[in-house]
Amino acid sequence: MPIYEYRCEECGYHFSRLFRSVQAANKAETPTCPACGDTNVKRLISPIAVHLGESSAPPEEEESSEEAKEVFGRKELEQALEERGY
């Protein structure tokens, strides 16, 4: 289920909308801004959050590097991208 983020071009309000599928998102009308009701909104390109999950490998075969187990949320991803100049 994709979540799309939008910014209102009139008032600058950021909001998100959950869709049941990509197809449903493509068929949907442009949402209105919940703050001012305007339809002049722009869909934003958002970073994704990645969760690596738990390993199914036996403990002796798991990587010892903590970096391999690191999980990024939105805040951490934005910070990492900024540090790399993106």
PDB file of N, CA and C in Angstrom:
ATOM      1  N   MET A   1       0.836  -1.167   0.000  1.00  0.00           N
ATOM      2  CA  MET A   1       0.000   0.000   0.000  1.00  0.00           C
ATOM      3  C   MET A   1       0.888   1.240   0.000  1.00  0.00           C
ATOM      4  N   PRO A   2       0.880   1.979  -1.100  1.00  0.00           N
ATOM      5  CA  PRO A   2       1.732   3.169  -1.164  1.00  0.00           C
ATOM      6  C   PRO A   2       1.148   4.344  -0.388  1.00  0.00           C
ATOM      7  N   ILE A   3       2.041   5.125   0.172  1.00  0.00           N
ATOM      8  CA  ILE A   3       1.672   6.371   0.820  1.00  0.00           C
ATOM      9  C   ILE A   3       2.356   7.472   0.020  1.00  0.00           C
ATOM     10  N   TYR A   4       1.565   8.380  -0.526  1.00  0.00           N
ATOM     11  CA  TYR A   4       2.109   9.490  -1.287  1.00  0.00           C
ATOM     12  C   TYR A   4       2.050  10.749  -0.447  1.00  0.00           C
ATOM     13  N   GLU A   5       3.108  11.557  -0.558  1.00  0.00           N
ATOM     14  CA  GLU A   5       3.166  12.821   0.158  1.00  0.00           C
ATOM     15  C   GLU A   5       2.915  13.956  -0.826  1.00  0.00           C
ATOM     16  N   TYR A   6       2.252  14.980  -0.327  1.00  0.00           N
ATOM     17  CA  TYR A   6       1.902  16.131  -1.156  1.00  0.00           C
ATOM     18  C   TYR A   6       2.247  17.417  -0.431  1.00  0.00           C
ATOM     19  N   ARG A   7       2.427  18.490  -1.221  1.00  0.00           N
ATOM     20  CA  ARG A   7       2.604  19.833  -0.676  1.00  0.00           C
ATOM     21  C   ARG A   7       1.638  20.752  -1.409  1.00  0.00           C
ATOM     22  N   CYS A   8       0.899  21.531  -0.658  1.00  0.00           N
ATOM     23  CA  CYS A   8      -0.030  22.498  -1.237  1.00  0.00           C
ATOM     24  C   CYS A   8       0.785  23.677  -1.759  1.00  0.00           C
ATOM     25  N   GLU A   9       0.584  24.019  -3.019  1.00  0.00           N
ATOM     26  CA  GLU A   9       1.309  25.136  -3.613  1.00  0.00           C
ATOM     27  C   GLU A   9       0.778  26.484  -3.121  1.00  0.00           C
ATOM     28  N   GLU A  10      -0.431  26.503  -2.597  1.00  0.00           N
ATOM     29  CA  GLU A  10      -1.027  27.757  -2.124  1.00  0.00           C
ATOM     30  C   GLU A  10      -0.595  28.100  -0.706  1.00  0.00           C
ATOM     31  N   CYS A  11      -0.707  27.140   0.226  1.00  0.00           N
ATOM     32  CA  CYS A  11      -0.403  27.446   1.631  1.00  0.00           C
ATOM     33  C   CYS A  11       0.864  26.748   2.146  1.00  0.00           C
ATOM     34  N   GLY A  12       1.432  25.811   1.359  1.00  0.00           N
ATOM     35  CA  GLY A  12       2.672  25.148   1.761  1.00  0.00           C
ATOM     36  C   GLY A  12       2.489  23.964   2.700  1.00  0.00           C
ATOM     37  N   TYR A  13       1.257  23.600   2.992  1.00  0.00           N
ATOM     38  CA  TYR A  13       0.977  22.508   3.925  1.00  0.00           C
ATOM     39  C   TYR A  13       1.417  21.166   3.329  1.00  0.00           C
ATOM     40  N   HIS A  14       2.120  20.348   4.124  1.00  0.00           N
ATOM     41  CA  HIS A  14       2.532  18.998   3.718  1.00  0.00           C
ATOM     42  C   HIS A  14       1.541  17.993   4.293  1.00  0.00           C
ATOM     43  N   PHE A  15       1.118  17.034   3.469  1.00  0.00           N
ATOM     44  CA  PHE A  15       0.232  15.986   3.948  1.00  0.00           C
ATOM     45  C   PHE A  15       0.477  14.716   3.149  1.00  0.00           C
ATOM     46  N   SER A  16      -0.017  13.589   3.648  1.00  0.00           N
ATOM     47  CA  SER A  16       0.160  12.311   2.969  1.00  0.00           C
ATOM     48  C   SER A  16      -1.189  11.641   2.787  1.00  0.00           C
ATOM     49  N   ARG A  17      -1.212  10.708   1.839  1.00  0.00           N
ATOM     50  CA  ARG A  17      -2.445   9.976   1.545  1.00  0.00           C
ATOM     51  C   ARG A  17      -2.091   8.517   1.259  1.00  0.00           C
ATOM     52  N   LEU A  18      -2.816   7.609   1.902  1.00  0.00           N
ATOM     53  CA  LEU A  18      -2.608   6.176   1.746  1.00  0.00           C
ATOM     54  C   LEU A  18      -3.547   5.642   0.669  1.00  0.00           C
ATOM     55  N   PHE A  19      -3.004   4.817  -0.228  1.00  0.00           N
ATOM     56  CA  PHE A  19      -3.792   4.189  -1.283  1.00  0.00           C
ATOM     57  C   PHE A  19      -3.703   2.675  -1.130  1.00  0.00           C
ATOM     58  N   ARG A  20      -4.725   1.975  -1.578  1.00  0.00           N
ATOM     59  CA  ARG A  20      -4.745   0.514  -1.486  1.00  0.00           C
ATOM     60  C   ARG A  20      -3.769  -0.138  -2.458  1.00  0.00           C
ATOM     61  N   SER A  21      -3.479   0.540  -3.577  1.00  0.00           N
ATOM     62  CA  SER A  21      -2.545   0.003  -4.568  1.00  0.00           C
ATOM     63  C   SER A  21      -2.022   1.151  -5.418  1.00  0.00           C
ATOM     64  N   VAL A  22      -0.977   0.883  -6.188  1.00  0.00           N
ATOM     65  CA  VAL A  22      -0.440   1.876  -7.108  1.00  0.00           C
ATOM     66  C   VAL A  22      -1.477   2.206  -8.168  1.00  0.00           C
ATOM     67  N   GLN A  23      -2.208   1.190  -8.617  1.00  0.00           N
ATOM     68  CA  GLN A  23      -3.256   1.413  -9.614  1.00  0.00           C
ATOM     69  C   GLN A  23      -4.332   2.362  -9.075  1.00  0.00           C
ATOM     70  N   ALA A  24      -4.724   2.173  -7.826  1.00  0.00           N
ATOM     71  CA  ALA A  24      -5.718   3.053  -7.210  1.00  0.00           C
ATOM     72  C   ALA A  24      -5.193   4.482  -7.118  1.00  0.00           C
ATOM     73  N   ALA A  25      -3.909   4.630  -6.821  1.00  0.00           N
ATOM     74  CA  ALA A  25      -3.310   5.963  -6.739  1.00  0.00           C
ATOM     75  C   ALA A  25      -3.303   6.623  -8.108  1.00  0.00           C
ATOM     76  N   ASN A  26      -3.016   5.855  -9.154  1.00  0.00           N
ATOM     77  CA  ASN A  26      -2.984   6.403 -10.505  1.00  0.00           C
ATOM     78  C   ASN A  26      -4.371   6.821 -10.986  1.00  0.00           C
ATOM     79  N   LYS A  27      -5.400   6.115 -10.536  1.00  0.00           N
ATOM     80  CA  LYS A  27      -6.778   6.427 -10.943  1.00  0.00           C
ATOM     81  C   LYS A  27      -7.400   7.554 -10.128  1.00  0.00           C
ATOM     82  N   ALA A  28      -6.855   7.804  -8.950  1.00  0.00           N
ATOM     83  CA  ALA A  28      -7.447   8.788  -8.041  1.00  0.00           C
ATOM     84  C   ALA A  28      -7.299  10.210  -8.569  1.00  0.00           C
ATOM     85  N   GLU A  29      -8.271  11.034  -8.218  1.00  0.00           N
ATOM     86  CA  GLU A  29      -8.195  12.452  -8.551  1.00  0.00           C
ATOM     87  C   GLU A  29      -7.151  13.118  -7.660  1.00  0.00           C
ATOM     88  N   THR A  30      -6.668  14.256  -8.097  1.00  0.00           N
ATOM     89  CA  THR A  30      -5.721  15.013  -7.294  1.00  0.00           C
ATOM     90  C   THR A  30      -6.385  15.386  -5.972  1.00  0.00           C
ATOM     91  N   PRO A  31      -5.727  15.091  -4.853  1.00  0.00           N
ATOM     92  CA  PRO A  31      -6.357  15.395  -3.555  1.00  0.00           C
ATOM     93  C   PRO A  31      -6.413  16.894  -3.302  1.00  0.00           C
ATOM     94  N   THR A  32      -7.298  17.280  -2.420  1.00  0.00           N
ATOM     95  CA  THR A  32      -7.370  18.675  -2.003  1.00  0.00           C
ATOM     96  C   THR A  32      -6.595  18.842  -0.705  1.00  0.00           C
ATOM     97  N   CYS A  33      -6.096  20.024  -0.512  1.00  0.00           N
ATOM     98  CA  CYS A  33      -5.324  20.323   0.692  1.00  0.00           C
ATOM     99  C   CYS A  33      -6.250  20.302   1.901  1.00  0.00           C
ATOM    100  N   PRO A  34      -5.915  19.520   2.942  1.00  0.00           N
ATOM    101  CA  PRO A  34      -6.763  19.485   4.132  1.00  0.00           C
ATOM    102  C   PRO A  34      -6.725  20.804   4.923  1.00  0.00           C
ATOM    103  N   ALA A  35      -5.699  21.616   4.709  1.00  0.00           N
ATOM    104  CA  ALA A  35      -5.586  22.862   5.466  1.00  0.00           C
ATOM    105  C   ALA A  35      -6.406  23.993   4.842  1.00  0.00           C
ATOM    106  N   CYS A  36      -6.305  24.140   3.503  1.00  0.00           N
ATOM    107  CA  CYS A  36      -6.982  25.282   2.871  1.00  0.00           C
ATOM    108  C   CYS A  36      -8.026  24.879   1.840  1.00  0.00           C
ATOM    109  N   GLY A  37      -8.073  23.582   1.469  1.00  0.00           N
ATOM    110  CA  GLY A  37      -9.069  23.099   0.521  1.00  0.00           C
ATOM    111  C   GLY A  37      -8.716  23.314  -0.935  1.00  0.00           C
ATOM    112  N   ASP A  38      -7.539  23.846  -1.230  1.00  0.00           N
ATOM    113  CA  ASP A  38      -7.136  24.098  -2.610  1.00  0.00           C
ATOM    114  C   ASP A  38      -6.741  22.797  -3.309  1.00  0.00           C
ATOM    115  N   THR A  39      -6.900  22.742  -4.619  1.00  0.00           N
ATOM    116  CA  THR A  39      -6.535  21.542  -5.382  1.00  0.00           C
ATOM    117  C   THR A  39      -5.181  21.682  -6.064  1.00  0.00           C
ATOM    118  N   ASN A  40      -4.499  22.800  -5.866  1.00  0.00           N
ATOM    119  CA  ASN A  40      -3.186  23.017  -6.461  1.00  0.00           C
ATOM    120  C   ASN A  40      -2.123  22.389  -5.559  1.00  0.00           C
ATOM    121  N   VAL A  41      -2.036  21.043  -5.608  1.00  0.00           N
ATOM    122  CA  VAL A  41      -1.072  20.318  -4.781  1.00  0.00           C
ATOM    123  C   VAL A  41      -0.079  19.595  -5.680  1.00  0.00           C
ATOM    124  N   LYS A  42       1.104  19.380  -5.163  1.00  0.00           N
ATOM    125  CA  LYS A  42       2.169  18.714  -5.913  1.00  0.00           C
ATOM    126  C   LYS A  42       2.589  17.460  -5.158  1.00  0.00           C
ATOM    127  N   ARG A  43       2.664  16.329  -5.869  1.00  0.00           N
ATOM    128  CA  ARG A  43       3.137  15.094  -5.237  1.00  0.00           C
ATOM    129  C   ARG A  43       4.649  15.182  -5.101  1.00  0.00           C
ATOM    130  N   LEU A  44       5.146  14.838  -3.929  1.00  0.00           N
ATOM    131  CA  LEU A  44       6.566  14.938  -3.632  1.00  0.00           C
ATOM    132  C   LEU A  44       7.258  13.592  -3.814  1.00  0.00           C
ATOM    133  N   ILE A  45       8.532  13.645  -4.089  1.00  0.00           N
ATOM    134  CA  ILE A  45       9.346  12.436  -4.126  1.00  0.00           C
ATOM    135  C   ILE A  45       9.906  12.254  -2.728  1.00  0.00           C
ATOM    136  N   SER A  46       9.593  11.137  -2.126  1.00  0.00           N
ATOM    137  CA  SER A  46       9.959  10.897  -0.734  1.00  0.00           C
ATOM    138  C   SER A  46      10.955   9.753  -0.623  1.00  0.00           C
ATOM    139  N   PRO A  47      11.888   9.859   0.326  1.00  0.00           N
ATOM    140  CA  PRO A  47      12.772   8.722   0.575  1.00  0.00           C
ATOM    141  C   PRO A  47      11.974   7.589   1.212  1.00  0.00           C
ATOM    142  N   ILE A  48      12.421   6.381   0.994  1.00  0.00           N
ATOM    143  CA  ILE A  48      11.732   5.227   1.569  1.00  0.00           C
ATOM    144  C   ILE A  48      12.453   4.774   2.825  1.00  0.00           C
ATOM    145  N   ALA A  49      11.743   4.107   3.696  1.00  0.00           N
ATOM    146  CA  ALA A  49      12.335   3.504   4.886  1.00  0.00           C
ATOM    147  C   ALA A  49      12.566   2.029   4.583  1.00  0.00           C
ATOM    148  N   VAL A  50      13.724   1.525   4.989  1.00  0.00           N
ATOM    149  CA  VAL A  50      14.075   0.139   4.714  1.00  0.00           C
ATOM    150  C   VAL A  50      14.281  -0.597   6.024  1.00  0.00           C
ATOM    151  N   HIS A  51      13.641  -1.729   6.149  1.00  0.00           N
ATOM    152  CA  HIS A  51      13.815  -2.569   7.326  1.00  0.00           C
ATOM    153  C   HIS A  51      14.371  -3.894   6.835  1.00  0.00           C
ATOM    154  N   LEU A  52      15.549  -4.253   7.336  1.00  0.00           N
ATOM    155  CA  LEU A  52      16.201  -5.464   6.857  1.00  0.00           C
ATOM    156  C   LEU A  52      15.614  -6.723   7.472  1.00  0.00           C
ATOM    157  N   GLY A  53      14.902  -6.589   8.568  1.00  0.00           N
ATOM    158  CA  GLY A  53      14.306  -7.761   9.208  1.00  0.00           C
ATOM    159  C   GLY A  53      15.341  -8.591   9.943  1.00  0.00           C
ATOM    160  N   GLU A  54      14.879  -9.691  10.476  1.00  0.00           N
ATOM    161  CA  GLU A  54      15.779 -10.573  11.203  1.00  0.00           C
ATOM    162  C   GLU A  54      16.349 -11.612  10.262  1.00  0.00           C
ATOM    163  N   SER A  55      17.564 -12.003  10.524  1.00  0.00           N
ATOM    164  CA  SER A  55      18.235 -12.979   9.685  1.00  0.00           C
ATOM    165  C   SER A  55      17.751 -14.387  10.021  1.00  0.00           C
ATOM    166  N   SER A  56      17.671 -15.210   8.998  1.00  0.00           N
ATOM    167  CA  SER A  56      17.308 -16.604   9.229  1.00  0.00           C
ATOM    168  C   SER A  56      18.551 -17.487   9.306  1.00  0.00           C
ATOM    169  N   ALA A  57      19.728 -16.881   9.169  1.00  0.00           N
ATOM    170  CA  ALA A  57      20.975 -17.639   9.241  1.00  0.00           C
ATOM    171  C   ALA A  57      21.281 -17.997  10.692  1.00  0.00           C
ATOM    172  N   PRO A  58      21.958 -19.121  10.904  1.00  0.00           N
ATOM    173  CA  PRO A  58      22.376 -19.480  12.259  1.00  0.00           C
ATOM    174  C   PRO A  58      23.300 -18.405  12.832  1.00  0.00           C
ATOM    175  N   PRO A  59      23.311 -18.208  14.155  1.00  0.00           N
ATOM    176  CA  PRO A  59      24.119 -17.146  14.769  1.00  0.00           C
ATOM    177  C   PRO A  59      25.585 -17.169  14.346  1.00  0.00           C
ATOM    178  N   GLU A  60      26.159 -18.358  14.154  1.00  0.00           N
ATOM    179  CA  GLU A  60      27.576 -18.418  13.788  1.00  0.00           C
ATOM    180  C   GLU A  60      27.841 -17.948  12.361  1.00  0.00           C
ATOM    181  N   GLU A  61      26.790 -17.898  11.517  1.00  0.00           N
ATOM    182  CA  GLU A  61      26.955 -17.459  10.139  1.00  0.00           C
ATOM    183  C   GLU A  61      26.537 -16.014   9.925  1.00  0.00           C
ATOM    184  N   GLU A  62      25.931 -15.382  10.937  1.00  0.00           N
ATOM    185  CA  GLU A  62      25.504 -13.997  10.799  1.00  0.00           C
ATOM    186  C   GLU A  62      26.709 -13.084  10.735  1.00  0.00           C
ATOM    187  N   GLU A  63      26.545 -11.964   9.995  1.00  0.00           N
ATOM    188  CA  GLU A  63      27.614 -10.978   9.910  1.00  0.00           C
ATOM    189  C   GLU A  63      27.773 -10.299  11.265  1.00  0.00           C
ATOM    190  N   SER A  64      29.009 -10.059  11.642  1.00  0.00           N
ATOM    191  CA  SER A  64      29.256  -9.427  12.934  1.00  0.00           C
ATOM    192  C   SER A  64      29.168  -7.916  12.855  1.00  0.00           C
ATOM    193  N   SER A  65      29.120  -7.364  11.655  1.00  0.00           N
ATOM    194  CA  SER A  65      29.069  -5.918  11.475  1.00  0.00           C
ATOM    195  C   SER A  65      27.720  -5.363  11.918  1.00  0.00           C
ATOM    196  N   GLU A  66      27.758  -4.363  12.797  1.00  0.00           N
ATOM    197  CA  GLU A  66      26.521  -3.707  13.224  1.00  0.00           C
ATOM    198  C   GLU A  66      25.917  -2.923  12.072  1.00  0.00           C
ATOM    199  N   GLU A  67      26.773  -2.466  11.131  1.00  0.00           N
ATOM    200  CA  GLU A  67      26.274  -1.695   9.996  1.00  0.00           C
ATOM    201  C   GLU A  67      25.293  -2.516   9.160  1.00  0.00           C
ATOM    202  N   ALA A  68      25.523  -3.814   9.048  1.00  0.00           N
ATOM    203  CA  ALA A  68      24.645  -4.674   8.267  1.00  0.00           C
ATOM    204  C   ALA A  68      23.272  -4.798   8.916  1.00  0.00           C
ATOM    205  N   LYS A  69      23.200  -4.583  10.228  1.00  0.00           N
ATOM    206  CA  LYS A  69      21.934  -4.712  10.954  1.00  0.00           C
ATOM    207  C   LYS A  69      21.224  -3.374  11.132  1.00  0.00           C
ATOM    208  N   GLU A  70      21.863  -2.291  10.672  1.00  0.00           N
ATOM    209  CA  GLU A  70      21.318  -0.959  10.877  1.00  0.00           C
ATOM    210  C   GLU A  70      20.000  -0.787  10.126  1.00  0.00           C
ATOM    211  N   VAL A  71      19.045  -0.164  10.784  1.00  0.00           N
ATOM    212  CA  VAL A  71      17.732   0.089  10.189  1.00  0.00           C
ATOM    213  C   VAL A  71      17.549   1.591  10.081  1.00  0.00           C
ATOM    214  N   PHE A  72      17.131   2.053   8.907  1.00  0.00           N
ATOM    215  CA  PHE A  72      16.927   3.468   8.679  1.00  0.00           C
ATOM    216  C   PHE A  72      15.455   3.801   8.656  1.00  0.00           C
ATOM    217  N   GLY A  73      15.092   4.805   9.401  1.00  0.00           N
ATOM    218  CA  GLY A  73      13.771   5.401   9.291  1.00  0.00           C
ATOM    219  C   GLY A  73      13.905   6.639   8.426  1.00  0.00           C
ATOM    220  N   ARG A  74      12.856   7.369   8.265  1.00  0.00           N
ATOM    221  CA  ARG A  74      12.853   8.549   7.405  1.00  0.00           C
ATOM    222  C   ARG A  74      13.895   9.581   7.846  1.00  0.00           C
ATOM    223  N   LYS A  75      13.937   9.864   9.139  1.00  0.00           N
ATOM    224  CA  LYS A  75      14.854  10.877   9.667  1.00  0.00           C
ATOM    225  C   LYS A  75      16.305  10.478   9.418  1.00  0.00           C
ATOM    226  N   GLU A  76      16.639   9.223   9.690  1.00  0.00           N
ATOM    227  CA  GLU A  76      18.005   8.745   9.512  1.00  0.00           C
ATOM    228  C   GLU A  76      18.386   8.720   8.038  1.00  0.00           C
ATOM    229  N   LEU A  77      17.448   8.343   7.177  1.00  0.00           N
ATOM    230  CA  LEU A  77      17.722   8.304   5.747  1.00  0.00           C
ATOM    231  C   LEU A  77      17.983   9.707   5.212  1.00  0.00           C
ATOM    232  N   GLU A  78      17.156  10.676   5.614  1.00  0.00           N
ATOM    233  CA  GLU A  78      17.369  12.048   5.167  1.00  0.00           C
ATOM    234  C   GLU A  78      18.723  12.570   5.622  1.00  0.00           C
ATOM    235  N   GLN A  79      19.111  12.241   6.844  1.00  0.00           N
ATOM    236  CA  GLN A  79      20.399  12.675   7.368  1.00  0.00           C
ATOM    237  C   GLN A  79      21.541  12.035   6.581  1.00  0.00           C
ATOM    238  N   ALA A  80      21.434  10.739   6.304  1.00  0.00           N
ATOM    239  CA  ALA A  80      22.481  10.036   5.548  1.00  0.00           C
ATOM    240  C   ALA A  80      22.592  10.598   4.135  1.00  0.00           C
ATOM    241  N   LEU A  81      21.470  10.878   3.494  1.00  0.00           N
ATOM    242  CA  LEU A  81      21.501  11.457   2.147  1.00  0.00           C
ATOM    243  C   LEU A  81      22.125  12.841   2.154  1.00  0.00           C
ATOM    244  N   GLU A  82      21.786  13.627   3.180  1.00  0.00           N
ATOM    245  CA  GLU A  82      22.353  14.977   3.294  1.00  0.00           C
ATOM    246  C   GLU A  82      23.872  14.912   3.491  1.00  0.00           C
ATOM    247  N   GLU A  83      24.342  13.988   4.318  1.00  0.00           N
ATOM    248  CA  GLU A  83      25.780  13.829   4.555  1.00  0.00           C
ATOM    249  C   GLU A  83      26.520  13.431   3.287  1.00  0.00           C
ATOM    250  N   ARG A  84      25.846  12.723   2.400  1.00  0.00           N
ATOM    251  CA  ARG A  84      26.470  12.287   1.146  1.00  0.00           C
ATOM    252  C   ARG A  84      26.262  13.286   0.005  1.00  0.00           C
ATOM    253  N   GLY A  85      25.596  14.405   0.307  1.00  0.00           N
ATOM    254  CA  GLY A  85      25.426  15.471  -0.664  1.00  0.00           C
ATOM    255  C   GLY A  85      24.284  15.289  -1.644  1.00  0.00           C
ATOM    256  N   TYR A  86      23.289  14.495  -1.285  1.00  0.00           N
ATOM    257  CA  TYR A  86      22.142  14.300  -2.171  1.00  0.00           C
ATOM    258  C   TYR A  86      21.046  15.257  -1.854  1.00  0.00           C
TER     259      TYR A  86
END
